Amino acid sequence: MKNTIAALLAGTAIMASGQAVLADSHIEEITVAYFLEWPLPLYDAWANGEFEEAMGVELNWVSFETGTAMSAAMASGDVQIAVSQGLPPFVVAASAGQDLEVVDVAVSYSDNDNCVVRTDLEIDSDNASELAGRRVAVPLGTAAHYGFLRQMDHFGIDLAGLEIVDMAPPEGAAALSQGAVDFACGYGGGLSRMLEYGNVLLTGAEKEELGILVFDVIVTPAGFTAENPDLVAQFLAVGQAANDRWNSSPGNDEMLVNIADRAGMDLEAARSAISTMTFPSAEAVLGDTWMGGGMAEFMLGVANVFVDAGSIDSALGNYEDRVNPEPLSTATN
């Protein structure tokens, strides 16, 4: 696992240091990374052209399968804003020296990220010890990877005895359906397909009781935000306005049609997935639980889990300077 993550992130600090940063007045287009099959209210604003209208630049939306790939794209300068990057891949990149920062919380989703055990094995939380020595598909360096590590620790399962295969959630779901793996971990559409062939070990609520939080963040290279604070604030303002629309009328079909279209999903699949998600207001995100201190503390805990698992070499002393509330604070005004 450590070698795979290291390979994904090799050279990111060097690439980031040489990345060209453009000031607000010179930018004509920026690239935004996002996930397919991951329905978010801000996709409605994307469909309506609200970002371009507010920001005065063209937005090029590019889909990715994992948060680690998003980190690499930001390091190379190909992506300026990553929407809904899982916190664990952000922590992995930051711990490796990549100069990224969190500027908002995109979504919280304890029930939309999990590990699924093949039905025929008849393994649940009561006999989870029987997973020892099994083969598992995990997208390394992602939120699903972090949840997997915490669950294995909770059930006392030795990682060294597992055969861990690095697979994005759609591939993990296919492997589970074919019996090529005994259990698989993932999120979004991949998780939905996994659940057709198996069962979870812990519910979202049970994971939260253990302190296994699952949320995604909006991330930018620190240099880009420093040079373009107003542009980033405008992006966040539009996204938060879309969240407010959704939160005031959850299940809004008019919004959902646009959200499903941009997420590459049919309407009912999008409705099912988004029902497991919550979208914190800007005021909540700026509070103590998130950007007011709790997030940086949680990042350190995530990093230490990865260090203990041998997935990364070391954690930063703290992650406070990896959280930048200024653009969101500006956006609320």
C-alpha atoms as a PDB file:
ATOM      1  CA  MET A   1       0.000   0.000   0.000  1.00  0.00           C
ATOM      2  CA  LYS A   2       2.793   2.379   0.948  1.00  0.00           C
ATOM      3  CA  ASN A   3       4.589   1.818  -2.361  1.00  0.00           C
ATOM      4  CA  THR A   4       1.424   2.387  -4.372  1.00  0.00           C
ATOM      5  CA  ILE A   5       0.613   5.672  -2.642  1.00  0.00           C
ATOM      6  CA  ALA A   6       4.211   6.805  -2.903  1.00  0.00           C
ATOM      7  CA  ALA A   7       4.171   6.099  -6.635  1.00  0.00           C
ATOM      8  CA  LEU A   8       0.973   8.081  -7.093  1.00  0.00           C
ATOM      9  CA  LEU A   9       2.427  11.072  -5.290  1.00  0.00           C
ATOM     10  CA  ALA A  10       6.062  10.885  -6.382  1.00  0.00           C
ATOM     11  CA  GLY A  11       7.355  14.255  -7.329  1.00  0.00           C
ATOM     12  CA  THR A  12       4.220  16.172  -6.363  1.00  0.00           C
ATOM     13  CA  ALA A  13       6.063  18.618  -4.127  1.00  0.00           C
ATOM     14  CA  ILE A  14       8.547  19.352  -6.899  1.00  0.00           C
ATOM     15  CA  MET A  15       5.808  19.761  -9.504  1.00  0.00           C
ATOM     16  CA  ALA A  16       3.777  21.991  -7.209  1.00  0.00           C
ATOM     17  CA  SER A  17       6.750  24.269  -6.545  1.00  0.00           C
ATOM     18  CA  GLY A  18       7.224  24.812 -10.266  1.00  0.00           C
ATOM     19  CA  GLN A  19       3.544  25.276 -11.058  1.00  0.00           C
ATOM     20  CA  ALA A  20       2.655  28.504 -12.836  1.00  0.00           C
ATOM     21  CA  VAL A  21       0.068  30.531 -10.940  1.00  0.00           C
ATOM     22  CA  LEU A  22      -2.093  33.065 -12.697  1.00  0.00           C
ATOM     23  CA  ALA A  23      -3.619  36.131 -11.085  1.00  0.00           C
ATOM     24  CA  ASP A  24      -7.382  36.763 -11.213  1.00  0.00           C
ATOM     25  CA  SER A  25      -7.212  39.341 -13.976  1.00  0.00           C
ATOM     26  CA  HIS A  26      -5.268  37.068 -16.350  1.00  0.00           C
ATOM     27  CA  ILE A  27      -7.308  33.887 -16.043  1.00  0.00           C
ATOM     28  CA  GLU A  28      -9.636  32.926 -18.869  1.00  0.00           C
ATOM     29  CA  GLU A  29     -10.266  29.284 -17.929  1.00  0.00           C
ATOM     30  CA  ILE A  30      -9.789  27.054 -14.902  1.00  0.00           C
ATOM     31  CA  THR A  31     -10.132  23.297 -14.602  1.00  0.00           C
ATOM     32  CA  VAL A  32     -12.324  21.770 -11.915  1.00  0.00           C
ATOM     33  CA  ALA A  33     -11.951  18.122 -10.884  1.00  0.00           C
ATOM     34  CA  TYR A  34     -15.098  16.213  -9.911  1.00  0.00           C
ATOM     35  CA  PHE A  35     -16.489  12.689  -9.562  1.00  0.00           C
ATOM     36  CA  LEU A  36     -19.043  11.018 -11.799  1.00  0.00           C
ATOM     37  CA  GLU A  37     -21.823   9.160  -9.987  1.00  0.00           C
ATOM     38  CA  TRP A  38     -21.426  11.578  -7.066  1.00  0.00           C
ATOM     39  CA  PRO A  39     -24.484  13.874  -7.107  1.00  0.00           C
ATOM     40  CA  LEU A  40     -23.928  17.278  -5.502  1.00  0.00           C
ATOM     41  CA  PRO A  41     -26.200  20.363  -5.470  1.00  0.00           C
ATOM     42  CA  LEU A  42     -23.474  22.502  -7.018  1.00  0.00           C
ATOM     43  CA  TYR A  43     -23.844  20.458 -10.220  1.00  0.00           C
ATOM     44  CA  ASP A  44     -27.145  22.302 -10.671  1.00  0.00           C
ATOM     45  CA  ALA A  45     -25.249  25.604 -10.626  1.00  0.00           C
ATOM     46  CA  TRP A  46     -22.791  24.098 -13.120  1.00  0.00           C
ATOM     47  CA  ALA A  47     -25.638  23.117 -15.451  1.00  0.00           C
ATOM     48  CA  ASN A  48     -27.152  26.598 -15.209  1.00  0.00           C
ATOM     49  CA  GLY A  49     -23.881  28.391 -15.984  1.00  0.00           C
ATOM     50  CA  GLU A  50     -23.890  30.138 -12.609  1.00  0.00           C
ATOM     51  CA  PHE A  51     -20.170  29.681 -11.976  1.00  0.00           C
ATOM     52  CA  GLU A  52     -19.140  31.329 -15.233  1.00  0.00           C
ATOM     53  CA  GLU A  53     -21.575  34.180 -14.682  1.00  0.00           C
ATOM     54  CA  ALA A  54     -20.240  34.904 -11.192  1.00  0.00           C
ATOM     55  CA  MET A  55     -16.558  34.309 -11.883  1.00  0.00           C
ATOM     56  CA  GLY A  56     -16.197  35.684 -15.395  1.00  0.00           C
ATOM     57  CA  VAL A  57     -14.075  32.737 -16.558  1.00  0.00           C
ATOM     58  CA  GLU A  58     -14.723  29.468 -18.370  1.00  0.00           C
ATOM     59  CA  LEU A  59     -14.793  26.330 -16.238  1.00  0.00           C
ATOM     60  CA  ASN A  60     -13.474  23.077 -17.675  1.00  0.00           C
ATOM     61  CA  TRP A  61     -14.921  20.190 -15.636  1.00  0.00           C
ATOM     62  CA  VAL A  62     -12.875  16.969 -15.727  1.00  0.00           C
ATOM     63  CA  SER A  63     -13.985  13.752 -14.023  1.00  0.00           C
ATOM     64  CA  PHE A  64     -11.653  11.595 -11.899  1.00  0.00           C
ATOM     65  CA  GLU A  65     -12.066   8.179 -10.297  1.00  0.00           C
ATOM     66  CA  THR A  66     -10.056   8.801  -7.105  1.00  0.00           C
ATOM     67  CA  GLY A  67      -8.955  11.647  -4.878  1.00  0.00           C
ATOM     68  CA  THR A  68      -5.319  10.591  -5.245  1.00  0.00           C
ATOM     69  CA  ALA A  69      -5.552  11.240  -8.979  1.00  0.00           C
ATOM     70  CA  MET A  70      -7.002  14.673  -8.201  1.00  0.00           C
ATOM     71  CA  SER A  71      -3.985  15.443  -6.012  1.00  0.00           C
ATOM     72  CA  ALA A  72      -1.585  14.474  -8.782  1.00  0.00           C
ATOM     73  CA  ALA A  73      -3.466  16.658 -11.280  1.00  0.00           C
ATOM     74  CA  MET A  74      -3.287  19.650  -8.935  1.00  0.00           C
ATOM     75  CA  ALA A  75       0.429  19.046  -8.416  1.00  0.00           C
ATOM     76  CA  SER A  76       1.054  19.125 -12.164  1.00  0.00           C
ATOM     77  CA  GLY A  77      -0.960  22.345 -12.548  1.00  0.00           C
ATOM     78  CA  ASP A  78      -3.674  20.668 -14.635  1.00  0.00           C
ATOM     79  CA  VAL A  79      -6.401  21.278 -12.021  1.00  0.00           C
ATOM     80  CA  GLN A  80      -7.039  24.442 -10.016  1.00  0.00           C
ATOM     81  CA  ILE A  81     -10.054  23.359  -7.917  1.00  0.00           C
ATOM     82  CA  ALA A  82     -10.974  19.842  -6.782  1.00  0.00           C
ATOM     83  CA  VAL A  83     -14.598  19.369  -5.803  1.00  0.00           C
ATOM     84  CA  SER A  84     -15.457  16.738  -3.219  1.00  0.00           C
ATOM     85  CA  GLN A  85     -11.997  15.261  -2.712  1.00  0.00           C
ATOM     86  CA  GLY A  86     -12.062  12.769   0.122  1.00  0.00           C
ATOM     87  CA  LEU A  87     -10.287  14.002   3.232  1.00  0.00           C
ATOM     88  CA  PRO A  88      -7.911  10.996   3.470  1.00  0.00           C
ATOM     89  CA  PRO A  89      -6.390  11.486  -0.015  1.00  0.00           C
ATOM     90  CA  PHE A  90      -5.980  15.165   0.835  1.00  0.00           C
ATOM     91  CA  VAL A  91      -4.172  14.221   4.054  1.00  0.00           C
ATOM     92  CA  VAL A  92      -1.935  11.772   2.177  1.00  0.00           C
ATOM     93  CA  ALA A  93      -0.942  14.460  -0.343  1.00  0.00           C
ATOM     94  CA  ALA A  94      -0.391  17.131   2.309  1.00  0.00           C
ATOM     95  CA  SER A  95       1.671  14.717   4.394  1.00  0.00           C
ATOM     96  CA  ALA A  96       3.836  14.031   1.340  1.00  0.00           C
ATOM     97  CA  GLY A  97       4.607  17.752   1.044  1.00  0.00           C
ATOM     98  CA  GLN A  98       2.094  18.839  -1.585  1.00  0.00           C
ATOM     99  CA  ASP A  99       1.042  22.451  -0.974  1.00  0.00           C
ATOM    100  CA  LEU A 100      -2.744  22.031  -0.972  1.00  0.00           C
ATOM    101  CA  GLU A 101      -5.372  23.554   1.270  1.00  0.00           C
ATOM    102  CA  VAL A 102      -9.004  22.900   2.151  1.00  0.00           C
ATOM    103  CA  VAL A 103     -11.306  25.832   1.401  1.00  0.00           C
ATOM    104  CA  ASP A 104     -14.738  24.279   2.092  1.00  0.00           C
ATOM    105  CA  VAL A 105     -16.594  21.098   3.037  1.00  0.00           C
ATOM    106  CA  ALA A 106     -18.419  19.627   0.052  1.00  0.00           C
ATOM    107  CA  VAL A 107     -20.488  16.851   1.634  1.00  0.00           C
ATOM    108  CA  SER A 108     -20.798  14.545   4.643  1.00  0.00           C
ATOM    109  CA  TYR A 109     -21.804  10.953   3.877  1.00  0.00           C
ATOM    110  CA  SER A 110     -21.288   8.262   6.486  1.00  0.00           C
ATOM    111  CA  ASP A 111     -23.764   5.971   4.706  1.00  0.00           C
ATOM    112  CA  ASN A 112     -22.303   6.508   1.233  1.00  0.00           C
ATOM    113  CA  ASP A 113     -18.826   5.128   1.892  1.00  0.00           C
ATOM    114  CA  ASN A 114     -18.386   1.620   3.209  1.00  0.00           C
ATOM    115  CA  CYS A 115     -17.008  -1.902   2.901  1.00  0.00           C
ATOM    116  CA  VAL A 116     -19.237  -4.672   1.549  1.00  0.00           C
ATOM    117  CA  VAL A 117     -18.764  -8.417   2.156  1.00  0.00           C
ATOM    118  CA  ARG A 118     -19.898 -10.949  -0.447  1.00  0.00           C
ATOM    119  CA  THR A 119     -23.311 -12.376   0.478  1.00  0.00           C
ATOM    120  CA  ASP A 120     -22.366 -16.046   0.156  1.00  0.00           C
ATOM    121  CA  LEU A 121     -19.679 -15.676   2.855  1.00  0.00           C
ATOM    122  CA  GLU A 122     -22.367 -14.855   5.460  1.00  0.00           C
ATOM    123  CA  ILE A 123     -20.025 -12.560   7.391  1.00  0.00           C
ATOM    124  CA  ASP A 124     -21.300  -9.586   9.370  1.00  0.00           C
ATOM    125  CA  SER A 125     -20.223  -7.632  12.452  1.00  0.00           C
ATOM    126  CA  ASP A 126     -20.840 -10.665  14.695  1.00  0.00           C
ATOM    127  CA  ASN A 127     -18.304 -12.889  12.921  1.00  0.00           C
ATOM    128  CA  ALA A 128     -16.132 -10.263  11.188  1.00  0.00           C
ATOM    129  CA  SER A 129     -13.005 -12.089  12.418  1.00  0.00           C
ATOM    130  CA  GLU A 130     -13.622 -14.549   9.556  1.00  0.00           C
ATOM    131  CA  LEU A 131     -12.366 -11.861   7.159  1.00  0.00           C
ATOM    132  CA  ALA A 132      -8.823 -12.686   8.272  1.00  0.00           C
ATOM    133  CA  GLY A 133      -6.731 -13.837   5.323  1.00  0.00           C
ATOM    134  CA  ARG A 134      -9.318 -12.700   2.772  1.00  0.00           C
ATOM    135  CA  ARG A 135      -8.873 -10.727  -0.465  1.00  0.00           C
ATOM    136  CA  VAL A 136     -10.223  -7.154  -0.481  1.00  0.00           C
ATOM    137  CA  ALA A 137     -10.518  -4.405  -3.113  1.00  0.00           C
ATOM    138  CA  VAL A 138      -9.721  -0.938  -1.710  1.00  0.00           C
ATOM    139  CA  PRO A 139      -9.073   2.367  -3.532  1.00  0.00           C
ATOM    140  CA  LEU A 140      -5.831   3.230  -1.743  1.00  0.00           C
ATOM    141  CA  GLY A 141      -5.339   6.668  -0.256  1.00  0.00           C
ATOM    142  CA  THR A 142      -9.054   7.520  -0.341  1.00  0.00           C
ATOM    143  CA  ALA A 143     -11.794   8.029   2.249  1.00  0.00           C
ATOM    144  CA  ALA A 144     -12.793   4.400   1.653  1.00  0.00           C
ATOM    145  CA  HIS A 145      -9.226   3.317   2.464  1.00  0.00           C
ATOM    146  CA  TYR A 146      -9.318   5.231   5.756  1.00  0.00           C
ATOM    147  CA  GLY A 147     -12.692   3.711   6.664  1.00  0.00           C
ATOM    148  CA  PHE A 148     -11.378   0.259   5.790  1.00  0.00           C
ATOM    149  CA  LEU A 149      -8.342   0.711   8.065  1.00  0.00           C
ATOM    150  CA  ARG A 150     -10.478   1.912  10.960  1.00  0.00           C
ATOM    151  CA  GLN A 151     -12.976  -0.931  10.578  1.00  0.00           C
ATOM    152  CA  MET A 152     -10.259  -3.575  10.384  1.00  0.00           C
ATOM    153  CA  ASP A 153      -8.704  -2.099  13.531  1.00  0.00           C
ATOM    154  CA  HIS A 154     -12.098  -2.124  15.257  1.00  0.00           C
ATOM    155  CA  PHE A 155     -12.642  -5.803  14.428  1.00  0.00           C
ATOM    156  CA  GLY A 156      -9.043  -6.755  15.295  1.00  0.00           C
ATOM    157  CA  ILE A 157      -8.176  -7.990  11.794  1.00  0.00           C
ATOM    158  CA  ASP A 158      -4.453  -8.066  10.960  1.00  0.00           C
ATOM    159  CA  LEU A 159      -3.788  -6.099   7.771  1.00  0.00           C
ATOM    160  CA  ALA A 160      -0.682  -8.172   7.061  1.00  0.00           C
ATOM    161  CA  GLY A 161      -2.858 -11.236   6.644  1.00  0.00           C
ATOM    162  CA  LEU A 162      -5.145  -9.641   4.052  1.00  0.00           C
ATOM    163  CA  GLU A 163      -4.534  -9.555   0.311  1.00  0.00           C
ATOM    164  CA  ILE A 164      -5.277  -5.889  -0.449  1.00  0.00           C
ATOM    165  CA  VAL A 165      -5.859  -5.006  -4.105  1.00  0.00           C
ATOM    166  CA  ASP A 166      -5.907  -1.346  -5.192  1.00  0.00           C
ATOM    167  CA  MET A 167      -9.137  -0.858  -7.169  1.00  0.00           C
ATOM    168  CA  ALA A 168     -11.371   2.143  -7.870  1.00  0.00           C
ATOM    169  CA  PRO A 169     -14.946   1.528  -6.598  1.00  0.00           C
ATOM    170  CA  PRO A 170     -16.461   0.555 -10.000  1.00  0.00           C
ATOM    171  CA  GLU A 171     -13.733  -2.053 -10.529  1.00  0.00           C
ATOM    172  CA  GLY A 172     -14.073  -3.220  -6.938  1.00  0.00           C
ATOM    173  CA  ALA A 173     -17.814  -3.724  -7.462  1.00  0.00           C
ATOM    174  CA  ALA A 174     -17.153  -5.774 -10.606  1.00  0.00           C
ATOM    175  CA  ALA A 175     -14.575  -7.913  -8.800  1.00  0.00           C
ATOM    176  CA  LEU A 176     -17.024  -8.503  -5.942  1.00  0.00           C
ATOM    177  CA  SER A 177     -19.781  -9.540  -8.359  1.00  0.00           C
ATOM    178  CA  GLN A 178     -17.428 -12.032 -10.033  1.00  0.00           C
ATOM    179  CA  GLY A 179     -16.200 -13.505  -6.759  1.00  0.00           C
ATOM    180  CA  ALA A 180     -12.666 -12.270  -7.474  1.00  0.00           C
ATOM    181  CA  VAL A 181     -12.547 -10.585  -4.044  1.00  0.00           C
ATOM    182  CA  ASP A 182     -14.202 -11.463  -0.749  1.00  0.00           C
ATOM    183  CA  PHE A 183     -15.070  -7.901   0.163  1.00  0.00           C
ATOM    184  CA  ALA A 184     -14.672  -4.459  -1.346  1.00  0.00           C
ATOM    185  CA  CYS A 185     -14.702  -0.873  -0.144  1.00  0.00           C
ATOM    186  CA  GLY A 186     -15.918   2.168  -2.019  1.00  0.00           C
ATOM    187  CA  TYR A 187     -18.378   4.999  -2.393  1.00  0.00           C
ATOM    188  CA  GLY A 188     -20.987   6.457  -4.737  1.00  0.00           C
ATOM    189  CA  GLY A 189     -22.189   4.384  -7.669  1.00  0.00           C
ATOM    190  CA  GLY A 190     -19.507   1.781  -7.033  1.00  0.00           C
ATOM    191  CA  LEU A 191     -20.813   1.220  -3.506  1.00  0.00           C
ATOM    192  CA  SER A 192     -24.389   0.996  -4.786  1.00  0.00           C
ATOM    193  CA  ARG A 193     -23.372  -1.832  -7.118  1.00  0.00           C
ATOM    194  CA  MET A 194     -21.378  -3.563  -4.370  1.00  0.00           C
ATOM    195  CA  LEU A 195     -24.512  -3.673  -2.239  1.00  0.00           C
ATOM    196  CA  GLU A 196     -26.212  -5.775  -4.926  1.00  0.00           C
ATOM    197  CA  TYR A 197     -23.793  -8.582  -4.047  1.00  0.00           C
ATOM    198  CA  GLY A 198     -23.175  -8.222  -0.334  1.00  0.00           C
ATOM    199  CA  ASN A 199     -23.728  -6.574   3.025  1.00  0.00           C
ATOM    200  CA  VAL A 200     -21.960  -3.932   5.111  1.00  0.00           C
ATOM    201  CA  LEU A 201     -20.218  -4.709   8.391  1.00  0.00           C
ATOM    202  CA  LEU A 202     -21.210  -1.415  10.070  1.00  0.00           C
ATOM    203  CA  THR A 203     -23.905   1.132   9.263  1.00  0.00           C
ATOM    204  CA  GLY A 204     -23.089   4.805   8.859  1.00  0.00           C
ATOM    205  CA  ALA A 205     -24.452   5.569  12.320  1.00  0.00           C
ATOM    206  CA  GLU A 206     -22.378   2.757  13.854  1.00  0.00           C
ATOM    207  CA  LYS A 207     -19.252   4.106  12.152  1.00  0.00           C
ATOM    208  CA  GLU A 208     -19.934   7.609  13.472  1.00  0.00           C
ATOM    209  CA  GLU A 209     -20.229   6.203  17.004  1.00  0.00           C
ATOM    210  CA  LEU A 210     -16.680   4.885  16.553  1.00  0.00           C
ATOM    211  CA  GLY A 211     -15.502   8.292  15.348  1.00  0.00           C
ATOM    212  CA  ILE A 212     -15.220   7.179  11.709  1.00  0.00           C
ATOM    213  CA  LEU A 213     -16.375  10.380  10.036  1.00  0.00           C
ATOM    214  CA  VAL A 214     -16.705  10.516   6.276  1.00  0.00           C
ATOM    215  CA  PHE A 215     -16.702  13.859   4.483  1.00  0.00           C
ATOM    216  CA  ASP A 216     -15.287  15.404   1.333  1.00  0.00           C
ATOM    217  CA  VAL A 217     -13.637  18.772   0.936  1.00  0.00           C
ATOM    218  CA  ILE A 218     -13.105  21.385  -1.753  1.00  0.00           C
ATOM    219  CA  VAL A 219      -9.368  21.756  -2.320  1.00  0.00           C
ATOM    220  CA  THR A 220      -7.094  24.146  -4.194  1.00  0.00           C
ATOM    221  CA  PRO A 221      -3.332  24.480  -4.553  1.00  0.00           C
ATOM    222  CA  ALA A 222      -2.318  27.041  -1.913  1.00  0.00           C
ATOM    223  CA  GLY A 223      -0.494  29.169  -4.486  1.00  0.00           C
ATOM    224  CA  PHE A 224      -3.562  29.394  -6.699  1.00  0.00           C
ATOM    225  CA  THR A 225      -5.744  30.566  -3.802  1.00  0.00           C
ATOM    226  CA  ALA A 226      -3.148  33.097  -2.677  1.00  0.00           C
ATOM    227  CA  GLU A 227      -2.996  34.634  -6.150  1.00  0.00           C
ATOM    228  CA  ASN A 228      -6.727  34.355  -6.879  1.00  0.00           C
ATOM    229  CA  PRO A 229      -8.627  34.763  -3.582  1.00  0.00           C
ATOM    230  CA  ASP A 230     -11.654  36.457  -5.112  1.00  0.00           C
ATOM    231  CA  LEU A 231     -12.018  33.822  -7.822  1.00  0.00           C
ATOM    232  CA  VAL A 232     -11.986  31.013  -5.252  1.00  0.00           C
ATOM    233  CA  ALA A 233     -14.433  32.921  -3.012  1.00  0.00           C
ATOM    234  CA  GLN A 234     -16.816  33.391  -5.956  1.00  0.00           C
ATOM    235  CA  PHE A 235     -16.691  29.676  -6.732  1.00  0.00           C
ATOM    236  CA  LEU A 236     -17.515  28.827  -3.118  1.00  0.00           C
ATOM    237  CA  ALA A 237     -20.321  31.398  -2.973  1.00  0.00           C
ATOM    238  CA  VAL A 238     -22.054  29.832  -5.975  1.00  0.00           C
ATOM    239  CA  GLY A 239     -21.596  26.316  -4.576  1.00  0.00           C
ATOM    240  CA  GLN A 240     -22.951  27.269  -1.159  1.00  0.00           C
ATOM    241  CA  ALA A 241     -25.950  28.999  -2.755  1.00  0.00           C
ATOM    242  CA  ALA A 242     -26.738  25.718  -4.540  1.00  0.00           C
ATOM    243  CA  ASN A 243     -26.426  23.848  -1.230  1.00  0.00           C
ATOM    244  CA  ASP A 244     -28.833  26.324   0.376  1.00  0.00           C
ATOM    245  CA  ARG A 245     -31.362  25.789  -2.434  1.00  0.00           C
ATOM    246  CA  TRP A 246     -31.158  22.037  -1.972  1.00  0.00           C
ATOM    247  CA  ASN A 247     -31.303  22.141   1.827  1.00  0.00           C
ATOM    248  CA  SER A 248     -34.386  24.360   1.717  1.00  0.00           C
ATOM    249  CA  SER A 249     -36.139  21.916  -0.610  1.00  0.00           C
ATOM    250  CA  PRO A 250     -34.442  18.487  -0.505  1.00  0.00           C
ATOM    251  CA  GLY A 251     -35.501  16.178  -3.306  1.00  0.00           C
ATOM    252  CA  ASN A 252     -36.192  19.144  -5.591  1.00  0.00           C
ATOM    253  CA  ASP A 253     -36.823  17.430  -8.941  1.00  0.00           C
ATOM    254  CA  GLU A 254     -35.922  20.493 -10.988  1.00  0.00           C
ATOM    255  CA  MET A 255     -32.480  20.599  -9.404  1.00  0.00           C
ATOM    256  CA  LEU A 256     -32.132  16.819  -9.373  1.00  0.00           C
ATOM    257  CA  VAL A 257     -32.515  16.552 -13.154  1.00  0.00           C
ATOM    258  CA  ASN A 258     -29.472  18.791 -13.622  1.00  0.00           C
ATOM    259  CA  ILE A 259     -27.549  17.113 -10.800  1.00  0.00           C
ATOM    260  CA  ALA A 260     -28.147  13.625 -12.237  1.00  0.00           C
ATOM    261  CA  ASP A 261     -27.198  14.760 -15.734  1.00  0.00           C
ATOM    262  CA  ARG A 262     -23.861  16.227 -14.660  1.00  0.00           C
ATOM    263  CA  ALA A 263     -23.136  13.227 -12.396  1.00  0.00           C
ATOM    264  CA  GLY A 264     -23.778  10.830 -15.294  1.00  0.00           C
ATOM    265  CA  MET A 265     -26.613   9.054 -13.452  1.00  0.00           C
ATOM    266  CA  ASP A 266     -30.247   8.292 -14.063  1.00  0.00           C
ATOM    267  CA  LEU A 267     -32.699  10.269 -11.961  1.00  0.00           C
ATOM    268  CA  GLU A 268     -33.613   7.550  -9.484  1.00  0.00           C
ATOM    269  CA  ALA A 269     -30.007   6.495  -8.900  1.00  0.00           C
ATOM    270  CA  ALA A 270     -29.106  10.115  -8.183  1.00  0.00           C
ATOM    271  CA  ARG A 271     -32.099  10.450  -5.854  1.00  0.00           C
ATOM    272  CA  SER A 272     -31.049   7.356  -3.921  1.00  0.00           C
ATOM    273  CA  ALA A 273     -27.409   8.425  -3.611  1.00  0.00           C
ATOM    274  CA  ILE A 274     -28.037  12.035  -2.615  1.00  0.00           C
ATOM    275  CA  SER A 275     -30.505  10.937   0.054  1.00  0.00           C
ATOM    276  CA  THR A 276     -27.541   9.576   2.036  1.00  0.00           C
ATOM    277  CA  MET A 277     -25.654  12.892   1.888  1.00  0.00           C
ATOM    278  CA  THR A 278     -25.768  16.106   3.889  1.00  0.00           C
ATOM    279  CA  PHE A 279     -24.456  19.501   2.796  1.00  0.00           C
ATOM    280  CA  PRO A 280     -23.284  21.760   5.653  1.00  0.00           C
ATOM    281  CA  SER A 281     -24.006  25.483   5.407  1.00  0.00           C
ATOM    282  CA  ALA A 282     -21.135  27.962   5.163  1.00  0.00           C
ATOM    283  CA  GLU A 283     -21.820  29.049   8.737  1.00  0.00           C
ATOM    284  CA  ALA A 284     -21.569  25.451   9.963  1.00  0.00           C
ATOM    285  CA  VAL A 285     -18.374  24.805   7.995  1.00  0.00           C
ATOM    286  CA  LEU A 286     -16.740  27.908   9.481  1.00  0.00           C
ATOM    287  CA  GLY A 287     -17.671  26.722  12.994  1.00  0.00           C
ATOM    288  CA  ASP A 288     -15.600  24.796  15.513  1.00  0.00           C
ATOM    289  CA  THR A 289     -16.537  21.326  14.253  1.00  0.00           C
ATOM    290  CA  TRP A 290     -15.044  21.954  10.844  1.00  0.00           C
ATOM    291  CA  MET A 291     -12.756  24.795   9.809  1.00  0.00           C
ATOM    292  CA  GLY A 292     -12.720  26.424  13.249  1.00  0.00           C
ATOM    293  CA  GLY A 293     -10.381  23.718  14.567  1.00  0.00           C
ATOM    294  CA  GLY A 294     -12.057  20.316  14.478  1.00  0.00           C
ATOM    295  CA  MET A 295     -11.082  19.551  10.883  1.00  0.00           C
ATOM    296  CA  ALA A 296      -7.347  20.089  11.398  1.00  0.00           C
ATOM    297  CA  GLU A 297      -7.461  17.891  14.501  1.00  0.00           C
ATOM    298  CA  PHE A 298      -9.315  15.186  12.588  1.00  0.00           C
ATOM    299  CA  MET A 299      -6.731  15.386   9.764  1.00  0.00           C
ATOM    300  CA  LEU A 300      -3.960  14.618  12.241  1.00  0.00           C
ATOM    301  CA  GLY A 301      -5.903  11.589  13.457  1.00  0.00           C
ATOM    302  CA  VAL A 302      -6.364  10.360   9.875  1.00  0.00           C
ATOM    303  CA  ALA A 303      -2.666  10.837   9.163  1.00  0.00           C
ATOM    304  CA  ASN A 304      -1.681   8.878  12.262  1.00  0.00           C
ATOM    305  CA  VAL A 305      -3.919   5.989  11.196  1.00  0.00           C
ATOM    306  CA  PHE A 306      -2.125   5.876   7.840  1.00  0.00           C
ATOM    307  CA  VAL A 307       1.290   6.066   9.563  1.00  0.00           C
ATOM    308  CA  ASP A 308       0.376   3.203  11.903  1.00  0.00           C
ATOM    309  CA  ALA A 309      -0.792   1.145   8.909  1.00  0.00           C
ATOM    310  CA  GLY A 310       2.494   1.817   7.094  1.00  0.00           C
ATOM    311  CA  SER A 311       0.699   3.614   4.256  1.00  0.00           C
ATOM    312  CA  ILE A 312       2.649   6.884   4.642  1.00  0.00           C
ATOM    313  CA  ASP A 313       6.021   7.571   6.222  1.00  0.00           C
ATOM    314  CA  SER A 314       5.024  10.324   8.627  1.00  0.00           C
ATOM    315  CA  ALA A 315       2.383  12.880   9.547  1.00  0.00           C
ATOM    316  CA  LEU A 316       2.827  16.629   9.701  1.00  0.00           C
ATOM    317  CA  GLY A 317       3.180  18.176  13.150  1.00  0.00           C
ATOM    318  CA  ASN A 318      -0.281  19.682  12.641  1.00  0.00           C
ATOM    319  CA  TYR A 319      -2.599  20.444   9.740  1.00  0.00           C
ATOM    320  CA  GLU A 320      -3.858  23.863  10.796  1.00  0.00           C
ATOM    321  CA  ASP A 321      -2.156  25.659   7.919  1.00  0.00           C
ATOM    322  CA  ARG A 322      -3.732  23.181   5.481  1.00  0.00           C
ATOM    323  CA  VAL A 323      -7.169  24.658   6.303  1.00  0.00           C
ATOM    324  CA  ASN A 324      -7.890  28.097   4.829  1.00  0.00           C
ATOM    325  CA  PRO A 325     -11.255  29.562   5.919  1.00  0.00           C
ATOM    326  CA  GLU A 326     -10.656  32.977   4.311  1.00  0.00           C
ATOM    327  CA  PRO A 327     -12.223  32.313   0.856  1.00  0.00           C
ATOM    328  CA  LEU A 328     -15.366  30.838   2.421  1.00  0.00           C
ATOM    329  CA  SER A 329     -15.558  33.678   4.938  1.00  0.00           C
ATOM    330  CA  THR A 330     -15.356  36.134   2.033  1.00  0.00           C
ATOM    331  CA  ALA A 331     -17.992  34.122   0.148  1.00  0.00           C
ATOM    332  CA  THR A 332     -20.480  34.454   3.000  1.00  0.00           C
ATOM    333  CA  ASN A 333     -20.217  38.232   2.668  1.00  0.00           C
END
